[in-house]
Amino acid sequence: MCSGRAKRAPATAVHEVEGLFAIELTTTFDSEDDPFAIETEKAPSAVVRLNGRTIELPAAGLHRGAVVRIQDIQGVLNGYNELYVQASPPIAESGREHGLRVKFYAEKRLLVDHTAWSSHGAVISDSFGFEYRGELQEESHDH
């Protein structure tokens, strides 16, 4: 018997996976607090989010050519993931182009190597996705 409703494919469950994940950030500038932020509180000089979850960055900010490595990243999904980065170059360098390189690792394997660019000193703001197909921990059942 046909009910007239189209059958939907079963939804694919999205699972957060465990593992040793790390992110590396390298800039072509020393980040500064965003002087044009709308918020009344002091806006951070750089922001990184994985799947909407903010990754805590060092209070000292990002410095030209220095690699900042953050380990023990949480919130990686089995499947599609999205990274968002934002960083404020110095106003004194408003005539320059600036870059923010992002590397994302699973274990010691490089998954993402992406550079976001801005021109004329604008704030760098970029989001990009990547796929991660890790092994899910499943319960074992003795039969």
N, C-alpha and C. Protein backbone atom coordinates (compact mmCIF):
# COMPACT_ATOMS: atom_id res chain seq x y z
N MET A 1 0.84 -1.15 0.00
CA MET A 1 0.00 0.00 0.00
C MET A 1 0.90 1.24 0.00
N CYS A 2 0.58 2.19 -0.80
CA CYS A 2 1.37 3.41 -0.91
C CYS A 2 0.69 4.53 -0.14
N SER A 3 1.43 5.17 0.74
CA SER A 3 0.85 6.23 1.57
C SER A 3 0.91 7.59 0.89
N GLY A 4 1.60 7.69 -0.23
CA GLY A 4 1.70 8.97 -0.91
C GLY A 4 2.87 9.82 -0.44
N ARG A 5 3.51 9.42 0.62
CA ARG A 5 4.67 10.16 1.11
C ARG A 5 5.94 9.59 0.50
N ALA A 6 6.83 10.48 0.16
CA ALA A 6 8.13 10.03 -0.36
C ALA A 6 8.96 9.49 0.79
N LYS A 7 9.65 8.42 0.52
CA LYS A 7 10.52 7.85 1.55
C LYS A 7 11.81 8.65 1.60
N ARG A 8 12.22 8.95 2.80
CA ARG A 8 13.47 9.68 2.99
C ARG A 8 14.59 8.69 3.30
N ALA A 9 15.77 9.07 2.87
CA ALA A 9 16.93 8.27 3.23
C ALA A 9 17.19 8.46 4.71
N PRO A 10 17.64 7.42 5.39
CA PRO A 10 17.91 7.57 6.82
C PRO A 10 18.98 8.63 7.07
N ALA A 11 18.80 9.41 8.11
CA ALA A 11 19.77 10.46 8.45
C ALA A 11 21.08 9.81 8.88
N THR A 12 22.16 10.42 8.46
CA THR A 12 23.48 9.95 8.87
C THR A 12 23.84 10.64 10.17
N ALA A 13 24.16 9.84 11.17
CA ALA A 13 24.52 10.40 12.47
C ALA A 13 25.89 11.06 12.40
N VAL A 14 26.01 12.19 13.04
CA VAL A 14 27.28 12.91 13.10
C VAL A 14 27.86 12.64 14.47
N HIS A 15 29.08 12.14 14.48
CA HIS A 15 29.72 11.78 15.74
C HIS A 15 30.98 12.60 15.95
N GLU A 16 31.14 13.10 17.16
CA GLU A 16 32.40 13.74 17.53
C GLU A 16 33.39 12.61 17.78
N VAL A 17 34.58 12.76 17.25
CA VAL A 17 35.58 11.70 17.38
C VAL A 17 36.67 12.12 18.35
N GLU A 18 37.28 11.13 18.92
CA GLU A 18 38.42 11.35 19.82
C GLU A 18 39.69 11.10 19.05
N GLY A 19 40.73 11.80 19.43
CA GLY A 19 42.01 11.63 18.78
C GLY A 19 42.94 12.75 19.19
N LEU A 20 44.13 12.71 18.66
CA LEU A 20 45.12 13.75 18.94
C LEU A 20 45.11 14.75 17.79
N PHE A 21 44.38 15.83 18.00
CA PHE A 21 44.24 16.86 16.97
C PHE A 21 44.98 18.12 17.41
N ALA A 22 45.59 18.79 16.42
CA ALA A 22 46.33 20.02 16.71
C ALA A 22 46.15 20.99 15.56
N ILE A 23 46.32 22.26 15.87
CA ILE A 23 46.24 23.30 14.86
C ILE A 23 47.47 24.19 14.99
N GLU A 24 48.01 24.62 13.85
CA GLU A 24 49.13 25.55 13.83
C GLU A 24 48.72 26.79 13.07
N LEU A 25 49.06 27.95 13.62
CA LEU A 25 48.75 29.23 13.01
C LEU A 25 50.05 30.00 12.80
N THR A 26 50.22 30.58 11.62
CA THR A 26 51.38 31.42 11.33
C THR A 26 50.89 32.64 10.57
N THR A 27 51.28 33.83 11.02
CA THR A 27 50.85 35.06 10.36
C THR A 27 52.03 35.79 9.73
N THR A 28 51.70 36.69 8.83
CA THR A 28 52.72 37.56 8.23
C THR A 28 52.73 38.91 8.94
N PHE A 29 52.10 38.98 10.12
CA PHE A 29 51.96 40.23 10.87
C PHE A 29 51.82 39.93 12.35
N ASP A 30 51.98 40.95 13.18
CA ASP A 30 51.68 40.85 14.60
C ASP A 30 50.22 41.25 14.78
N SER A 31 49.42 40.34 15.31
CA SER A 31 47.99 40.65 15.45
C SER A 31 47.77 41.71 16.52
N GLU A 32 46.74 42.53 16.29
CA GLU A 32 46.35 43.58 17.24
C GLU A 32 44.86 43.45 17.50
N ASP A 33 44.42 43.99 18.63
CA ASP A 33 43.00 44.01 18.92
C ASP A 33 42.28 44.76 17.81
N ASP A 34 41.09 44.29 17.46
CA ASP A 34 40.32 44.89 16.38
C ASP A 34 39.77 46.24 16.83
N PRO A 35 40.27 47.34 16.29
CA PRO A 35 39.82 48.66 16.74
C PRO A 35 38.41 49.01 16.26
N PHE A 36 37.89 48.24 15.31
CA PHE A 36 36.56 48.52 14.76
C PHE A 36 35.50 47.56 15.26
N ALA A 37 35.82 46.77 16.26
CA ALA A 37 34.85 45.81 16.80
C ALA A 37 33.64 46.55 17.35
N ILE A 38 32.48 46.00 17.13
CA ILE A 38 31.24 46.61 17.59
C ILE A 38 31.01 46.35 19.07
N GLU A 39 31.51 45.23 19.56
CA GLU A 39 31.30 44.87 20.96
C GLU A 39 31.92 45.91 21.88
N THR A 40 31.30 46.10 23.04
CA THR A 40 31.83 47.07 23.99
C THR A 40 33.06 46.55 24.71
N GLU A 41 33.17 45.24 24.83
CA GLU A 41 34.37 44.67 25.45
C GLU A 41 35.50 44.67 24.43
N LYS A 42 36.70 44.55 24.91
CA LYS A 42 37.87 44.49 24.04
C LYS A 42 37.80 43.23 23.18
N ALA A 43 37.80 43.39 21.87
CA ALA A 43 37.73 42.25 20.96
C ALA A 43 39.11 41.60 20.85
N PRO A 44 39.16 40.29 20.75
CA PRO A 44 40.47 39.62 20.64
C PRO A 44 41.14 39.92 19.30
N SER A 45 42.45 39.79 19.27
CA SER A 45 43.20 40.06 18.05
C SER A 45 43.07 38.92 17.04
N ALA A 46 42.69 37.74 17.50
CA ALA A 46 42.52 36.59 16.62
C ALA A 46 41.46 35.65 17.21
N VAL A 47 40.73 35.00 16.31
CA VAL A 47 39.69 34.05 16.70
C VAL A 47 39.80 32.84 15.79
N VAL A 48 39.70 31.64 16.38
CA VAL A 48 39.64 30.40 15.61
C VAL A 48 38.49 29.58 16.17
N ARG A 49 37.64 29.08 15.27
CA ARG A 49 36.53 28.22 15.68
C ARG A 49 36.53 26.96 14.82
N LEU A 50 36.27 25.84 15.47
CA LEU A 50 36.10 24.57 14.79
C LEU A 50 34.66 24.14 15.01
N ASN A 51 33.89 24.06 13.94
CA ASN A 51 32.48 23.66 14.02
C ASN A 51 31.71 24.52 15.03
N GLY A 52 32.03 25.82 15.04
CA GLY A 52 31.34 26.76 15.92
C GLY A 52 31.90 26.84 17.32
N ARG A 53 32.81 25.97 17.68
CA ARG A 53 33.41 25.95 19.01
C ARG A 53 34.71 26.75 19.00
N THR A 54 34.82 27.74 19.87
CA THR A 54 36.00 28.60 19.92
C THR A 54 37.20 27.83 20.48
N ILE A 55 38.32 27.96 19.80
CA ILE A 55 39.58 27.36 20.25
C ILE A 55 40.35 28.47 20.96
N GLU A 56 40.73 28.21 22.19
CA GLU A 56 41.44 29.22 22.97
C GLU A 56 42.85 29.43 22.43
N LEU A 57 43.16 30.70 22.20
CA LEU A 57 44.48 31.08 21.68
C LEU A 57 45.30 31.72 22.79
N PRO A 58 46.62 31.73 22.64
CA PRO A 58 47.46 32.37 23.66
C PRO A 58 47.10 33.85 23.82
N ALA A 59 47.14 34.33 25.04
CA ALA A 59 46.81 35.73 25.34
C ALA A 59 47.76 36.70 24.65
N ALA A 60 48.98 36.26 24.37
CA ALA A 60 49.99 37.12 23.75
C ALA A 60 49.67 37.43 22.29
N GLY A 61 48.70 36.74 21.71
CA GLY A 61 48.35 36.99 20.31
C GLY A 61 49.25 36.24 19.36
N LEU A 62 49.15 36.61 18.09
CA LEU A 62 49.94 35.98 17.04
C LEU A 62 51.03 36.95 16.59
N HIS A 63 52.21 36.40 16.32
CA HIS A 63 53.35 37.25 15.94
C HIS A 63 53.92 36.83 14.60
N ARG A 64 54.31 37.83 13.83
CA ARG A 64 54.84 37.64 12.48
C ARG A 64 55.86 36.49 12.42
N GLY A 65 55.55 35.49 11.60
CA GLY A 65 56.47 34.39 11.36
C GLY A 65 56.57 33.34 12.44
N ALA A 66 55.98 33.57 13.60
CA ALA A 66 56.04 32.60 14.71
C ALA A 66 54.91 31.59 14.57
N VAL A 67 55.23 30.31 14.69
CA VAL A 67 54.22 29.26 14.63
C VAL A 67 53.61 29.09 16.02
N VAL A 68 52.29 29.21 16.09
CA VAL A 68 51.57 28.96 17.35
C VAL A 68 50.86 27.63 17.18
N ARG A 69 51.20 26.68 18.04
CA ARG A 69 50.61 25.33 17.96
C ARG A 69 49.70 25.12 19.16
N ILE A 70 48.46 24.74 18.89
CA ILE A 70 47.48 24.45 19.94
C ILE A 70 47.16 22.97 19.83
N GLN A 71 47.35 22.26 20.91
CA GLN A 71 47.13 20.81 20.92
C GLN A 71 45.82 20.47 21.62
N ASP A 72 45.48 19.20 21.59
CA ASP A 72 44.28 18.68 22.27
C ASP A 72 43.01 19.39 21.81
N ILE A 73 42.87 19.58 20.51
CA ILE A 73 41.68 20.21 19.94
C ILE A 73 40.50 19.24 20.08
N GLN A 74 39.39 19.77 20.57
CA GLN A 74 38.17 18.99 20.74
C GLN A 74 37.13 19.44 19.72
N GLY A 75 36.15 18.58 19.45
CA GLY A 75 35.03 18.97 18.59
C GLY A 75 35.15 18.55 17.14
N VAL A 76 36.11 17.68 16.81
CA VAL A 76 36.24 17.20 15.44
C VAL A 76 35.14 16.17 15.17
N LEU A 77 34.49 16.32 14.04
CA LEU A 77 33.39 15.42 13.67
C LEU A 77 33.86 14.40 12.65
N ASN A 78 33.26 13.22 12.69
CA ASN A 78 33.50 12.23 11.67
C ASN A 78 32.68 12.64 10.45
N GLY A 79 33.35 13.18 9.45
CA GLY A 79 32.68 13.71 8.27
C GLY A 79 33.12 15.13 8.03
N TYR A 80 32.16 15.99 7.66
CA TYR A 80 32.48 17.37 7.31
C TYR A 80 32.72 18.22 8.56
N ASN A 81 33.80 19.02 8.52
CA ASN A 81 34.16 19.95 9.59
C ASN A 81 34.40 21.31 8.96
N GLU A 82 34.24 22.36 9.77
CA GLU A 82 34.49 23.70 9.26
C GLU A 82 35.35 24.49 10.25
N LEU A 83 36.36 25.13 9.72
CA LEU A 83 37.22 26.02 10.49
C LEU A 83 36.91 27.46 10.10
N TYR A 84 36.88 28.33 11.09
CA TYR A 84 36.71 29.77 10.87
C TYR A 84 37.89 30.46 11.53
N VAL A 85 38.53 31.37 10.81
CA VAL A 85 39.66 32.13 11.36
C VAL A 85 39.42 33.62 11.12
N GLN A 86 39.88 34.40 12.09
CA GLN A 86 39.81 35.86 11.97
C GLN A 86 41.00 36.42 12.72
N ALA A 87 41.67 37.38 12.12
CA ALA A 87 42.81 38.03 12.77
C ALA A 87 42.92 39.47 12.29
N SER A 88 43.35 40.33 13.20
CA SER A 88 43.45 41.77 12.91
C SER A 88 44.90 42.19 12.74
N PRO A 89 45.29 42.59 11.53
CA PRO A 89 46.63 43.13 11.32
C PRO A 89 46.74 44.53 11.93
N PRO A 90 47.96 45.02 12.14
CA PRO A 90 48.13 46.37 12.69
C PRO A 90 47.63 47.44 11.74
N ILE A 91 47.02 48.47 12.30
CA ILE A 91 46.54 49.59 11.49
C ILE A 91 47.71 50.26 10.78
N ALA A 92 48.87 50.27 11.42
CA ALA A 92 50.06 50.90 10.83
C ALA A 92 50.48 50.22 9.52
N GLU A 93 50.02 48.99 9.30
CA GLU A 93 50.37 48.26 8.08
C GLU A 93 49.17 48.16 7.14
N SER A 94 48.33 49.18 7.14
CA SER A 94 47.09 49.13 6.36
C SER A 94 47.30 49.09 4.85
N GLY A 95 48.46 49.42 4.38
CA GLY A 95 48.73 49.38 2.95
C GLY A 95 49.25 48.04 2.46
N ARG A 96 49.37 47.08 3.35
CA ARG A 96 49.97 45.79 2.99
C ARG A 96 48.93 44.68 2.86
N GLU A 97 49.34 43.62 2.18
CA GLU A 97 48.55 42.40 2.16
C GLU A 97 49.08 41.51 3.28
N HIS A 98 48.16 40.79 3.92
CA HIS A 98 48.54 39.95 5.05
C HIS A 98 47.98 38.55 4.88
N GLY A 99 48.70 37.58 5.47
CA GLY A 99 48.27 36.20 5.39
C GLY A 99 48.24 35.53 6.75
N LEU A 100 47.35 34.56 6.87
CA LEU A 100 47.23 33.72 8.07
C LEU A 100 47.18 32.28 7.59
N ARG A 101 48.25 31.53 7.87
CA ARG A 101 48.33 30.13 7.46
C ARG A 101 47.81 29.24 8.58
N VAL A 102 46.95 28.31 8.20
CA VAL A 102 46.33 27.39 9.15
C VAL A 102 46.68 25.97 8.74
N LYS A 103 47.25 25.22 9.66
CA LYS A 103 47.51 23.79 9.44
C LYS A 103 46.76 23.02 10.51
N PHE A 104 46.07 21.96 10.10
CA PHE A 104 45.31 21.15 11.03
C PHE A 104 45.78 19.71 10.92
N TYR A 105 46.09 19.12 12.07
CA TYR A 105 46.66 17.77 12.12
C TYR A 105 45.75 16.80 12.87
N ALA A 106 45.69 15.57 12.36
CA ALA A 106 45.09 14.44 13.08
C ALA A 106 46.24 13.49 13.33
N GLU A 107 46.48 13.21 14.63
CA GLU A 107 47.69 12.49 15.02
C GLU A 107 48.85 13.34 14.50
N LYS A 108 49.71 12.80 13.66
CA LYS A 108 50.79 13.61 13.09
C LYS A 108 50.58 13.84 11.59
N ARG A 109 49.39 13.49 11.11
CA ARG A 109 49.08 13.60 9.69
C ARG A 109 48.44 14.96 9.39
N LEU A 110 49.01 15.67 8.42
CA LEU A 110 48.48 16.97 8.02
C LEU A 110 47.20 16.77 7.22
N LEU A 111 46.09 17.35 7.71
CA LEU A 111 44.80 17.27 7.02
C LEU A 111 44.49 18.52 6.22
N VAL A 112 44.88 19.68 6.76
CA VAL A 112 44.55 20.96 6.14
C VAL A 112 45.78 21.85 6.15
N ASP A 113 46.03 22.49 5.02
CA ASP A 113 47.06 23.53 4.92
C ASP A 113 46.44 24.63 4.08
N HIS A 114 45.91 25.65 4.75
CA HIS A 114 45.13 26.70 4.09
C HIS A 114 45.66 28.06 4.53
N THR A 115 45.80 28.97 3.58
CA THR A 115 46.21 30.33 3.90
C THR A 115 45.10 31.30 3.51
N ALA A 116 44.70 32.10 4.48
CA ALA A 116 43.69 33.15 4.26
C ALA A 116 44.44 34.46 4.06
N TRP A 117 43.98 35.27 3.10
CA TRP A 117 44.66 36.52 2.76
C TRP A 117 43.71 37.70 2.89
N SER A 118 44.29 38.86 3.18
CA SER A 118 43.55 40.11 3.15
C SER A 118 44.37 41.12 2.37
N SER A 119 43.71 42.16 1.90
CA SER A 119 44.46 43.19 1.20
C SER A 119 44.23 44.54 1.87
N HIS A 120 45.21 45.40 1.74
CA HIS A 120 45.16 46.76 2.28
C HIS A 120 44.89 46.80 3.78
N GLY A 121 45.44 45.83 4.50
CA GLY A 121 45.35 45.85 5.95
C GLY A 121 44.01 45.45 6.54
N ALA A 122 43.10 44.95 5.73
CA ALA A 122 41.79 44.55 6.23
C ALA A 122 41.91 43.36 7.18
N VAL A 123 40.92 43.22 8.04
CA VAL A 123 40.87 42.07 8.94
C VAL A 123 40.76 40.81 8.09
N ILE A 124 41.52 39.79 8.45
CA ILE A 124 41.42 38.50 7.78
C ILE A 124 40.24 37.76 8.38
N SER A 125 39.35 37.28 7.54
CA SER A 125 38.20 36.53 7.99
C SER A 125 37.90 35.49 6.92
N ASP A 126 37.94 34.21 7.28
CA ASP A 126 37.76 33.15 6.29
C ASP A 126 37.22 31.91 6.97
N SER A 127 36.41 31.17 6.26
CA SER A 127 35.98 29.86 6.75
C SER A 127 36.17 28.86 5.62
N PHE A 128 36.49 27.65 5.98
CA PHE A 128 36.74 26.60 5.00
C PHE A 128 36.48 25.25 5.63
N GLY A 129 36.09 24.32 4.81
CA GLY A 129 35.73 23.01 5.31
C GLY A 129 36.73 21.94 4.93
N PHE A 130 36.64 20.83 5.63
CA PHE A 130 37.45 19.67 5.31
C PHE A 130 36.72 18.42 5.81
N GLU A 131 37.05 17.31 5.21
CA GLU A 131 36.48 16.02 5.60
C GLU A 131 37.46 15.28 6.50
N TYR A 132 36.92 14.67 7.54
CA TYR A 132 37.73 13.78 8.37
C TYR A 132 36.99 12.46 8.50
N ARG A 133 37.62 11.42 8.10
CA ARG A 133 37.03 10.08 8.22
C ARG A 133 37.89 9.27 9.17
N GLY A 134 37.62 9.44 10.45
CA GLY A 134 38.38 8.70 11.46
C GLY A 134 37.64 7.45 11.86
N GLU A 135 38.31 6.63 12.59
CA GLU A 135 37.68 5.42 13.07
C GLU A 135 36.89 5.75 14.31
N LEU A 136 35.63 5.35 14.31
CA LEU A 136 34.77 5.58 15.46
C LEU A 136 34.95 4.46 16.46
N GLN A 137 34.95 4.83 17.72
CA GLN A 137 35.01 3.84 18.78
C GLN A 137 33.61 3.27 18.96
N GLU A 138 33.45 1.99 18.69
CA GLU A 138 32.15 1.37 18.88
C GLU A 138 32.25 0.33 19.99
N GLU A 139 31.13 0.16 20.68
CA GLU A 139 31.10 -0.83 21.74
C GLU A 139 31.20 -2.21 21.11
N SER A 140 31.93 -3.09 21.79
CA SER A 140 32.00 -4.47 21.30
C SER A 140 30.99 -5.29 22.07
N HIS A 141 30.33 -6.18 21.36
CA HIS A 141 29.32 -7.04 21.97
C HIS A 141 29.75 -8.49 21.81
N ASP A 142 29.77 -9.20 22.90
CA ASP A 142 30.09 -10.63 22.85
C ASP A 142 28.82 -11.40 22.52
N HIS A 143 28.92 -12.26 21.52
CA HIS A 143 27.76 -13.07 21.14
C HIS A 143 28.07 -14.52 21.32
